[in-house]
Amino acid sequence: MTPGSNIPLSAARVTVDVAAPVRLDVSGLLLTADGKVRSDDDFIFYNQPQGPGVTYRSGGGTSPDAIIVDTAAVPPGIEKIVVTASPDAAGQTFQGIEPTATIRNGDDNSVLATFTPPQLGTETALVIVEIYLRNGAWKARAVGQGYANGLAGIATDFGVTVEEPAPAPTPVAPPQPTMQPPVTPPAPPISTPAAPPAPPAPGAGKINLDKGRVSLQKNQTVSLMKGGRPLLSQVKMGLGWEPAYRGKDIDLDASVIAYGPQRNHIDSCYFGKLQIVQGAIRHSGDNLTGEGGGDDEVITVDLGRLPQDVTGLVFTVNSFSGQKFTEVAKAYCRLLDAATGEELVRFDLTSAEPQTGVMMAKLIRQFSGEWEMTAMGDFVKSRTVRGMVKPAAQAL
């Protein structure tokens, strides 16, 4: 297909996948005759994969993400489904990247058409194809319209409410060039007593794993050292929560964001992208209700296999549905030895704010090779992990 061309659809159910040399985020929007969504529920993407007649399918990093359209199930009043794509890496453009959309018969996977938008440059997001209704028949059109302000620009154009974290205040001093060793702010200096008789007061001091399980309070730090050696085996970060009101489901999403030494975003691991950094970080998948005992979602980190350019990890929890953390009870995170299941570190969230995101904990690699875990409990106005990238970088 060429830009502007269209074909009639010979199948009622079609799949549109978008492939490229880099990982892409693919989304779909259900539009009415005025070219707008009816509500944010009509924006279908990795964090909201189901809509009326439209489904997002993750490729899991090994195959392209796709949008599946069942035209027979599209509700009355919806006249167009646009399929969008944007590079997963923050700030990356389509310069030198040639994405190809393939429209397939959803039943037998046969190819109906392909489209590669020409002459791309500084665009960071594309409306690549659209499935639309004309005179009672469904058709597909090649579009290739680019946006320089990313997926948020597309979403805003079509009427989706995009939440962005408030800009951070201007720092009074330039940021440090590297995350390690950590620079102590004007607060009580970090000390390492040889044998602390009890857990330190909130925000003061640092302990290790020699005395067994450590229970942290907000802003406390533990060195992942045991017997004088850094812990470099597989660990699991379990995150859990319960509804504050009986019978009410809470659909929260646990994620981890990986950073480099300049606080640069490397990648994010969430239920729509279950593995990052060559499989050294893996996600257990999504829990839609928060019901049941034990951890709701688990992220496994192989500390010994992490690339050297990964020096910071921030674990976050978000509520895409808009439920606030004042509706959540017993939220916690805990670090376990993946081999034995032994709980090493635990942090229980004891306060809540009416926000949709929270940074639970961070792991930072030191020059010595050891990792340190700090309890955070900092709330952010963001319903997705994408909105947590900037505030989490500032918190490192």
Protein backbone atom coordinates (compact mmCIF):
# COMPACT_ATOMS: atom_id res chain seq x y z
CA MET A 1 0.00 0.00 0.00
CA THR A 2 0.99 3.63 -0.47
CA PRO A 3 0.02 6.61 1.70
CA GLY A 4 -3.70 7.33 1.31
CA SER A 5 -4.52 4.09 -0.48
CA ASN A 6 -7.23 1.79 0.83
CA ILE A 7 -8.50 -1.75 0.44
CA PRO A 8 -11.80 -3.43 1.31
CA LEU A 9 -11.49 -5.92 4.14
CA SER A 10 -12.27 -9.47 3.09
CA ALA A 11 -12.34 -10.66 6.72
CA ALA A 12 -14.48 -9.50 9.62
CA ARG A 13 -11.60 -9.99 12.06
CA VAL A 14 -8.20 -8.54 11.21
CA THR A 15 -4.85 -8.22 12.95
CA VAL A 16 -2.55 -5.25 12.38
CA ASP A 17 1.03 -5.80 13.55
CA VAL A 18 3.82 -3.26 13.21
CA ALA A 19 7.40 -4.50 12.86
CA ALA A 20 10.66 -2.52 12.97
CA PRO A 21 14.36 -3.05 13.78
CA VAL A 22 13.64 -1.65 17.26
CA ARG A 23 10.94 -2.43 19.82
CA LEU A 24 7.73 -0.47 19.17
CA ASP A 25 4.71 0.28 21.33
CA VAL A 26 1.56 -0.28 19.28
CA SER A 27 -1.83 1.14 20.26
CA GLY A 28 -5.35 1.44 18.91
CA LEU A 29 -7.99 4.15 19.35
CA LEU A 30 -11.73 3.79 18.72
CA LEU A 31 -13.08 6.98 17.14
CA THR A 32 -16.56 8.34 16.51
CA ALA A 33 -17.63 10.32 13.44
CA ASP A 34 -16.06 13.48 14.92
CA GLY A 35 -12.66 11.78 15.10
CA LYS A 36 -12.57 11.56 18.90
CA VAL A 37 -12.68 8.80 21.49
CA ARG A 38 -15.83 8.57 23.60
CA SER A 39 -13.70 8.27 26.75
CA ASP A 40 -10.24 7.13 27.83
CA ASP A 41 -11.60 3.56 27.71
CA ASP A 42 -11.34 3.76 23.90
CA PHE A 43 -7.54 3.97 24.06
CA ILE A 44 -6.28 0.38 23.75
CA PHE A 45 -2.61 -0.26 24.56
CA TYR A 46 -0.30 -2.33 26.75
CA ASN A 47 -1.80 -1.06 30.02
CA GLN A 48 -5.42 -1.32 28.83
CA PRO A 49 -5.39 -4.23 26.38
CA GLN A 50 -9.12 -4.81 25.94
CA GLY A 51 -11.85 -2.66 24.42
CA PRO A 52 -15.12 -3.25 22.57
CA GLY A 53 -14.12 -5.11 19.41
CA VAL A 54 -10.45 -4.09 19.75
CA THR A 55 -7.62 -5.94 21.54
CA TYR A 56 -3.94 -5.20 22.10
CA ARG A 57 -1.58 -8.20 21.79
CA SER A 58 1.98 -7.99 23.08
CA GLY A 59 4.70 -9.60 21.02
CA GLY A 60 6.72 -10.19 24.19
CA GLY A 61 9.83 -8.65 22.65
CA THR A 62 10.26 -11.51 20.15
CA SER A 63 7.51 -10.60 17.68
CA PRO A 64 5.69 -7.35 16.83
CA ASP A 65 2.94 -5.93 19.01
CA ALA A 66 -0.45 -6.00 17.30
CA ILE A 67 -3.94 -4.56 17.40
CA ILE A 68 -6.76 -7.02 16.67
CA VAL A 69 -10.03 -5.59 15.33
CA ASP A 70 -13.23 -7.64 15.27
CA THR A 71 -15.41 -5.43 13.10
CA ALA A 72 -18.52 -7.45 14.01
CA ALA A 73 -18.00 -6.53 17.68
CA VAL A 74 -17.21 -2.83 17.21
CA PRO A 75 -20.05 -0.91 18.91
CA PRO A 76 -22.45 1.37 17.03
CA GLY A 77 -21.15 4.92 16.73
CA ILE A 78 -17.52 3.86 16.28
CA GLU A 79 -16.54 4.54 12.66
CA LYS A 80 -12.77 4.25 12.75
CA ILE A 81 -9.98 2.44 14.59
CA VAL A 82 -6.57 4.04 14.16
CA VAL A 83 -3.44 1.97 14.78
CA THR A 84 -0.45 3.89 16.14
CA ALA A 85 3.18 3.04 16.78
CA SER A 86 6.02 4.68 18.69
CA PRO A 87 9.57 3.54 19.57
CA ASP A 88 9.73 2.02 23.03
CA ALA A 89 13.00 3.78 23.88
CA ALA A 90 12.43 7.24 25.34
CA GLY A 91 13.18 10.06 22.89
CA GLN A 92 13.95 7.77 19.94
CA THR A 93 12.69 8.95 16.55
CA PHE A 94 11.82 7.04 13.39
CA GLN A 95 14.95 8.39 11.68
CA GLY A 96 16.55 5.39 9.98
CA ILE A 97 13.75 3.09 11.14
CA GLU A 98 11.31 1.73 8.59
CA PRO A 99 8.27 0.30 10.39
CA THR A 100 6.03 -1.98 8.37
CA ALA A 101 2.38 -2.54 9.20
CA THR A 102 0.95 -5.88 8.11
CA ILE A 103 -2.81 -6.36 7.93
CA ARG A 104 -3.74 -10.02 8.30
CA ASN A 105 -6.87 -12.13 8.24
CA GLY A 106 -7.47 -12.69 11.94
CA ASP A 107 -8.67 -16.25 11.39
CA ASP A 108 -6.03 -17.82 9.14
CA ASN A 109 -3.22 -15.20 9.51
CA SER A 110 -3.00 -14.68 5.74
CA VAL A 111 -1.63 -11.30 4.64
CA LEU A 112 -4.18 -8.85 3.25
CA ALA A 113 -1.85 -5.86 2.81
CA THR A 114 1.42 -4.29 4.00
CA PHE A 115 2.44 -0.65 4.36
CA THR A 116 5.79 0.99 5.07
CA PRO A 117 5.53 4.80 5.55
CA PRO A 118 8.17 6.60 3.46
CA GLN A 119 10.59 9.40 4.36
CA LEU A 120 10.39 9.36 8.14
CA GLY A 121 12.63 11.62 10.21
CA THR A 122 12.08 13.33 13.57
CA GLU A 123 8.70 11.71 14.23
CA THR A 124 8.44 9.92 17.56
CA ALA A 125 4.99 8.44 16.90
CA LEU A 126 2.88 7.51 13.88
CA VAL A 127 -0.71 6.91 12.97
CA ILE A 128 0.22 4.13 10.63
CA VAL A 129 -3.06 2.63 9.36
CA GLU A 130 -6.76 2.94 10.07
CA ILE A 131 -9.66 0.51 9.87
CA TYR A 132 -12.76 2.49 8.96
CA LEU A 133 -16.44 2.09 8.10
CA ARG A 134 -17.70 3.51 4.78
CA ASN A 135 -21.22 2.95 3.42
CA GLY A 136 -21.71 -0.06 5.68
CA ALA A 137 -18.44 -1.77 4.64
CA TRP A 138 -15.15 -1.94 6.53
CA LYS A 139 -11.95 -0.87 4.81
CA ALA A 140 -8.27 -0.32 5.66
CA ARG A 141 -6.32 2.81 4.73
CA ALA A 142 -2.58 3.47 4.79
CA VAL A 143 -1.92 6.74 6.67
CA GLY A 144 1.68 7.24 7.88
CA GLN A 145 1.00 10.54 9.70
CA GLY A 146 3.87 11.44 12.03
CA TYR A 147 3.95 13.25 15.37
CA ALA A 148 7.00 14.89 16.93
CA ASN A 149 5.57 14.81 20.48
CA GLY A 150 5.16 11.06 20.78
CA LEU A 151 2.20 8.91 21.60
CA ALA A 152 0.91 11.56 24.01
CA GLY A 153 0.47 13.91 21.04
CA ILE A 154 -1.61 11.35 19.16
CA ALA A 155 -3.69 10.53 22.21
CA THR A 156 -4.38 14.21 22.94
CA ASP A 157 -5.37 14.88 19.32
CA PHE A 158 -7.99 12.15 19.54
CA GLY A 159 -9.39 13.29 22.89
CA VAL A 160 -7.61 11.03 25.38
CA THR A 161 -6.73 12.60 28.72
CA VAL A 162 -2.97 12.30 29.17
CA GLU A 163 -1.65 12.66 32.71
CA GLU A 164 1.88 13.96 33.04
CA PRO A 165 3.79 14.36 36.30
CA ALA A 166 4.24 17.93 37.45
CA PRO A 167 7.59 19.38 36.41
CA ALA A 168 10.23 19.08 39.06
CA PRO A 169 11.46 22.28 40.71
CA THR A 170 14.71 23.68 39.37
CA PRO A 171 17.54 22.13 41.38
CA VAL A 172 19.69 24.47 43.40
CA ALA A 173 22.80 22.54 42.38
CA PRO A 174 23.69 20.72 39.16
CA PRO A 175 22.85 16.98 39.15
CA GLN A 176 25.63 14.61 40.02
CA PRO A 177 27.27 13.00 36.97
CA THR A 178 26.80 9.47 38.25
CA MET A 179 24.53 7.61 40.61
CA GLN A 180 27.34 5.95 42.50
CA PRO A 181 28.72 6.33 44.96
CA PRO A 182 25.55 7.99 46.32
CA VAL A 183 26.02 11.58 47.39
CA THR A 184 24.72 12.19 50.88
CA PRO A 185 22.35 15.19 50.97
CA PRO A 186 22.39 17.69 53.86
CA ALA A 187 21.01 15.14 56.30
CA PRO A 188 22.46 12.83 58.93
CA PRO A 189 25.54 11.21 57.32
CA ILE A 190 25.44 7.54 56.49
CA SER A 191 27.24 5.47 59.05
CA THR A 192 27.80 1.76 59.18
CA PRO A 193 27.95 0.54 62.78
CA ALA A 194 29.64 -2.82 63.13
CA ALA A 195 26.76 -4.40 64.98
CA PRO A 196 23.68 -2.18 65.28
CA PRO A 197 21.57 -3.27 68.24
CA ALA A 198 18.31 -2.43 66.48
CA PRO A 199 17.06 -1.17 63.12
CA PRO A 200 18.04 2.47 62.63
CA ALA A 201 15.61 5.33 62.86
CA PRO A 202 13.81 6.26 59.61
CA GLY A 203 16.18 7.79 57.09
CA ALA A 204 19.31 7.32 59.22
CA GLY A 205 21.97 4.77 58.67
CA LYS A 206 22.41 1.61 56.64
CA ILE A 207 22.39 -2.04 57.60
CA ASN A 208 23.18 -5.32 55.81
CA LEU A 209 21.70 -8.81 55.67
CA ASP A 210 24.00 -10.45 58.24
CA LYS A 211 21.36 -10.52 60.98
CA GLY A 212 18.67 -11.98 58.70
CA ARG A 213 15.43 -10.42 57.51
CA VAL A 214 15.40 -6.62 57.48
CA SER A 215 12.21 -4.59 57.85
CA LEU A 216 12.63 -1.10 56.41
CA GLN A 217 10.81 2.13 57.05
CA LYS A 218 10.49 4.96 54.54
CA ASN A 219 13.90 6.28 53.37
CA GLN A 220 15.88 3.54 55.12
CA THR A 221 18.62 1.77 53.17
CA VAL A 222 19.98 -1.77 53.44
CA SER A 223 23.20 -2.96 51.80
CA LEU A 224 22.64 -6.28 50.02
CA MET A 225 25.78 -7.72 51.64
CA LYS A 226 25.91 -10.99 53.53
CA GLY A 227 29.01 -12.39 55.18
CA GLY A 228 31.10 -9.57 53.74
CA ARG A 229 30.17 -10.44 50.16
CA PRO A 230 27.73 -8.66 47.83
CA LEU A 231 24.54 -10.51 46.96
CA LEU A 232 24.77 -11.16 43.21
CA SER A 233 22.32 -14.02 42.80
CA GLN A 234 18.74 -13.99 41.56
CA VAL A 235 16.32 -12.07 43.76
CA LYS A 236 12.59 -11.55 43.52
CA MET A 237 10.79 -8.31 44.29
CA GLY A 238 7.29 -9.24 45.35
CA LEU A 239 4.69 -6.49 45.41
CA GLY A 240 1.29 -6.91 47.01
CA TRP A 241 -1.84 -5.00 47.94
CA GLU A 242 -5.45 -5.50 48.95
CA PRO A 243 -8.62 -3.47 48.29
CA ALA A 244 -9.37 -1.08 51.14
CA TYR A 245 -13.07 -1.86 50.72
CA ARG A 246 -14.26 -5.45 50.74
CA GLY A 247 -15.53 -6.71 47.41
CA LYS A 248 -13.93 -3.99 45.32
CA ASP A 249 -11.27 -5.10 42.84
CA ILE A 250 -8.05 -3.14 42.65
CA ASP A 251 -6.17 -3.46 39.35
CA LEU A 252 -2.68 -2.16 39.99
CA ASP A 253 0.38 -2.66 37.80
CA ALA A 254 3.83 -3.31 39.24
CA SER A 255 6.83 -2.33 37.14
CA VAL A 256 10.57 -1.74 37.36
CA ILE A 257 12.46 1.00 35.52
CA ALA A 258 16.15 0.49 34.69
CA TYR A 259 18.57 3.43 34.54
CA GLY A 260 22.17 4.05 33.56
CA PRO A 261 24.85 6.00 35.47
CA GLN A 262 23.64 9.39 34.16
CA ARG A 263 20.08 8.64 35.34
CA ASN A 264 19.33 7.82 31.72
CA HIS A 265 16.31 5.60 31.09
CA ILE A 266 17.40 2.23 29.69
CA ASP A 267 14.15 0.24 29.70
CA SER A 268 11.00 -0.52 31.68
CA CYS A 269 9.65 -3.96 32.61
CA TYR A 270 5.88 -4.23 33.10
CA PHE A 271 3.12 -6.73 32.37
CA GLY A 272 3.13 -5.72 28.68
CA LYS A 273 6.90 -6.22 28.39
CA LEU A 274 7.77 -9.17 30.57
CA GLN A 275 11.54 -9.27 29.97
CA ILE A 276 14.22 -6.59 29.57
CA VAL A 277 18.04 -6.36 29.50
CA GLN A 278 18.55 -9.76 27.89
CA GLY A 279 16.21 -11.49 30.31
CA ALA A 280 18.07 -10.42 33.45
CA ILE A 281 14.81 -8.77 34.61
CA ARG A 282 11.52 -10.67 34.27
CA HIS A 283 7.91 -9.83 35.20
CA SER A 284 5.39 -12.42 36.42
CA GLY A 285 2.42 -10.88 34.57
CA ASP A 286 -0.64 -8.85 35.50
CA ASN A 287 -2.97 -9.35 38.49
CA LEU A 288 -6.31 -7.75 37.69
CA THR A 289 -7.97 -7.70 41.12
CA GLY A 290 -5.49 -7.60 44.02
CA GLU A 291 -7.41 -10.45 45.63
CA GLY A 292 -5.73 -13.50 47.13
CA GLY A 293 -2.89 -14.05 49.53
CA GLY A 294 0.80 -13.58 48.83
CA ASP A 295 2.47 -11.36 46.29
CA ASP A 296 0.19 -9.98 43.58
CA GLU A 297 3.01 -9.45 41.08
CA VAL A 298 6.65 -10.56 41.16
CA ILE A 299 9.66 -9.13 39.33
CA THR A 300 12.75 -11.36 39.20
CA VAL A 301 16.16 -9.68 38.94
CA ASP A 302 19.37 -11.60 38.25
CA LEU A 303 21.79 -9.18 39.90
CA GLY A 304 24.84 -11.02 38.60
CA ARG A 305 23.63 -10.89 34.97
CA LEU A 306 22.66 -7.23 34.86
CA PRO A 307 24.71 -5.31 32.28
CA GLN A 308 27.26 -2.92 33.76
CA ASP A 309 25.41 0.06 32.30
CA VAL A 310 22.39 -0.76 34.50
CA THR A 311 23.19 1.01 37.76
CA GLY A 312 19.75 1.83 39.17
CA LEU A 313 16.35 0.14 39.40
CA VAL A 314 13.15 1.79 40.63
CA PHE A 315 10.15 -0.39 41.46
CA THR A 316 6.79 1.29 40.94
CA VAL A 317 3.07 0.52 41.23
CA ASN A 318 0.41 2.30 39.15
CA SER A 319 -3.37 2.37 38.86
CA PHE A 320 -4.32 2.87 35.21
CA SER A 321 -8.04 2.63 36.08
CA GLY A 322 -7.67 5.78 38.17
CA GLN A 323 -8.22 4.26 41.61
CA LYS A 324 -6.20 6.17 44.19
CA PHE A 325 -3.89 4.65 46.76
CA THR A 326 -6.30 5.79 49.46
CA GLU A 327 -8.44 2.89 48.12
CA VAL A 328 -5.59 0.43 48.64
CA ALA A 329 -4.73 -1.41 51.85
CA LYS A 330 -1.68 -3.37 52.98
CA ALA A 331 0.55 -2.37 50.07
CA TYR A 332 4.08 -3.69 50.46
CA CYS A 333 7.20 -4.78 48.64
CA ARG A 334 9.61 -7.51 49.73
CA LEU A 335 12.89 -8.81 48.40
CA LEU A 336 13.36 -12.57 48.39
CA ASP A 337 16.21 -14.95 47.61
CA ALA A 338 14.93 -16.54 44.40
CA ALA A 339 16.69 -19.85 45.10
CA THR A 340 15.41 -20.42 48.64
CA GLY A 341 12.32 -18.20 48.84
CA GLU A 342 13.76 -16.59 51.99
CA GLU A 343 12.46 -13.08 52.60
CA LEU A 344 15.45 -10.74 52.86
CA VAL A 345 13.96 -7.24 53.03
CA ARG A 346 10.42 -5.96 53.53
CA PHE A 347 8.82 -2.52 53.31
CA ASP A 348 5.18 -1.96 54.26
CA LEU A 349 3.52 1.19 52.94
CA THR A 350 1.99 2.74 56.05
CA SER A 351 0.60 5.93 54.53
CA ALA A 352 -1.35 6.77 51.39
CA GLU A 353 -2.08 9.77 49.22
CA PRO A 354 -4.89 10.25 46.68
CA GLN A 355 -2.55 9.60 43.74
CA THR A 356 -2.41 6.91 41.05
CA GLY A 357 1.30 5.99 41.23
CA VAL A 358 3.84 5.21 43.91
CA MET A 359 7.59 4.58 43.84
CA MET A 360 8.05 1.71 46.29
CA ALA A 361 11.79 1.06 46.38
CA LYS A 362 15.05 1.54 44.51
CA LEU A 363 18.18 -0.55 44.05
CA ILE A 364 21.46 1.25 43.31
CA ARG A 365 24.75 -0.40 42.34
CA GLN A 366 27.84 0.89 44.17
CA PHE A 367 31.39 1.15 42.82
CA SER A 368 32.27 -1.83 45.00
CA GLY A 369 29.77 -3.98 43.10
CA GLU A 370 27.32 -4.27 45.97
CA TRP A 371 23.68 -3.22 45.62
CA GLU A 372 21.77 -1.09 48.08
CA MET A 373 17.98 -1.12 48.52
CA THR A 374 16.17 1.96 49.78
CA ALA A 375 12.50 2.11 50.81
CA MET A 376 10.76 5.03 49.07
CA GLY A 377 6.96 5.24 49.38
CA ASP A 378 6.79 8.39 47.24
CA PHE A 379 3.50 9.09 45.46
CA VAL A 380 3.21 10.42 41.90
CA LYS A 381 0.33 11.51 39.70
CA SER A 382 0.66 8.94 36.92
CA ARG A 383 -1.46 6.00 35.85
CA THR A 384 1.24 4.26 33.80
CA VAL A 385 4.90 3.34 34.18
CA ARG A 386 5.72 5.69 31.30
CA GLY A 387 4.74 8.64 33.48
CA MET A 388 7.02 7.38 36.26
CA VAL A 389 10.25 7.51 34.25
CA LYS A 390 11.11 11.17 34.95
CA PRO A 391 10.18 11.35 38.65
CA ALA A 392 11.92 8.03 39.32
CA ALA A 393 15.11 9.31 37.64
CA GLN A 394 14.99 12.41 39.83
CA ALA A 395 14.63 10.21 42.91
CA LEU A 396 17.80 8.21 42.24
